[in-house]
Protein backbone atom coordinates (compact mmCIF):
# COMPACT_ATOMS: atom_id res chain seq x y z
CA MET A 1 9.85 7.89 1.82
CA ASP A 2 11.74 11.11 1.17
CA THR A 3 12.36 10.06 -2.44
CA ILE A 4 8.64 9.56 -2.97
CA LYS A 5 7.83 12.92 -1.40
CA ASN A 6 10.48 14.65 -3.51
CA ALA A 7 9.09 13.08 -6.69
CA ALA A 8 5.60 14.20 -5.68
CA ASP A 9 6.86 17.74 -5.11
CA GLN A 10 8.11 17.71 -8.71
CA GLY A 11 4.66 16.70 -9.95
CA PHE A 12 5.28 13.02 -10.63
CA ALA A 13 2.60 10.40 -10.07
CA ILE A 14 3.95 7.22 -8.50
CA VAL A 15 2.67 3.65 -8.62
CA ILE A 16 4.24 1.18 -6.20
CA VAL A 17 3.62 -2.48 -7.02
CA MET A 18 4.24 -4.90 -4.17
CA ARG A 19 4.42 -8.50 -5.35
CA ARG A 20 3.70 -11.23 -2.76
CA PHE A 21 1.97 -8.66 -0.60
CA GLU A 22 1.20 -11.29 2.06
CA ARG A 23 4.90 -11.36 2.98
CA PHE A 24 4.72 -7.73 4.01
CA THR A 25 1.64 -8.38 6.15
CA ALA A 26 3.35 -11.30 7.90
CA ARG A 27 5.91 -9.04 9.55
CA ARG A 28 5.38 -8.26 13.21
CA LYS A 29 5.77 -4.52 12.64
CA GLN A 30 4.23 -3.30 9.41
CA THR A 31 5.99 0.05 9.46
CA LEU A 32 6.77 0.07 5.74
CA LEU A 33 3.13 -0.58 4.85
CA TYR A 34 1.93 2.00 7.36
CA ASN A 35 4.24 4.66 5.93
CA LEU A 36 3.30 3.88 2.33
CA PHE A 37 -0.44 3.92 2.98
CA ASP A 38 -0.06 7.04 5.11
CA LEU A 39 1.47 8.77 2.07
CA THR A 40 -1.65 7.97 0.06
CA GLN A 41 -3.65 10.14 2.46
CA ASP A 42 -1.66 13.29 1.58
CA PRO A 43 -3.54 15.19 -1.15
CA LYS A 44 -0.26 16.65 -2.49
CA VAL A 45 1.26 13.21 -3.06
CA ARG A 46 -0.04 11.31 -6.10
CA VAL A 47 0.83 7.76 -5.17
CA ALA A 48 -0.94 4.43 -5.55
CA VAL A 49 0.07 1.23 -3.82
CA VAL A 50 -0.83 -2.00 -5.60
CA GLY A 51 -0.47 -5.20 -3.61
CA ILE A 52 -0.44 -8.48 -5.54
CA SER A 53 -1.11 -11.65 -3.57
CA ALA A 54 -2.35 -15.20 -4.02
CA VAL A 55 -4.05 -14.88 -0.61
CA GLN A 56 -7.62 -13.65 -1.14
CA ASN A 57 -8.11 -12.15 2.34
CA VAL A 58 -4.67 -10.57 2.60
CA THR A 59 -6.05 -7.25 3.88
CA ASP A 60 -7.36 -9.07 6.97
CA PHE A 61 -3.76 -9.50 8.09
CA LEU A 62 -2.98 -5.78 8.12
CA GLU A 63 -2.55 -4.02 11.45
CA LYS A 64 -5.61 -2.15 12.70
CA ARG A 65 -3.82 1.21 12.37
CA ILE A 66 -3.38 0.55 8.65
CA GLN A 67 -6.90 -0.75 8.12
CA VAL A 68 -8.56 2.31 9.65
CA THR A 69 -6.46 4.96 7.90
CA CYS A 70 -6.96 3.81 4.33
CA ASP A 71 -9.71 3.79 1.77
CA TRP A 72 -9.60 0.36 0.19
CA GLU A 73 -10.42 -0.54 -3.34
CA ALA A 74 -9.92 -4.22 -3.90
CA CYS A 75 -10.03 -6.06 -7.17
CA LEU A 76 -10.13 -9.83 -7.06
CA LEU A 77 -8.89 -11.66 -10.14
CA CYS A 78 -9.02 -15.45 -10.26
CA MET A 79 -6.65 -17.24 -12.57
CA ASP A 80 -7.33 -20.81 -13.68
């Protein structure tokens, strides 16, 4: 997290892409996700977290503390 904060202090915008996002939500403690989404709430840190998953309701598996602290923008793409 310090690396992300340091990059933000230097004016960089950061995009974090998490492939197979459902694997991160399956962990008992979702500390990594909590810390990443907590960073998005800091107005000085320009960071976006993009979770890619085949599970359509993946955000339902997030801990309550993560769900209530974030503003969600979801985009559902269906591939045939």
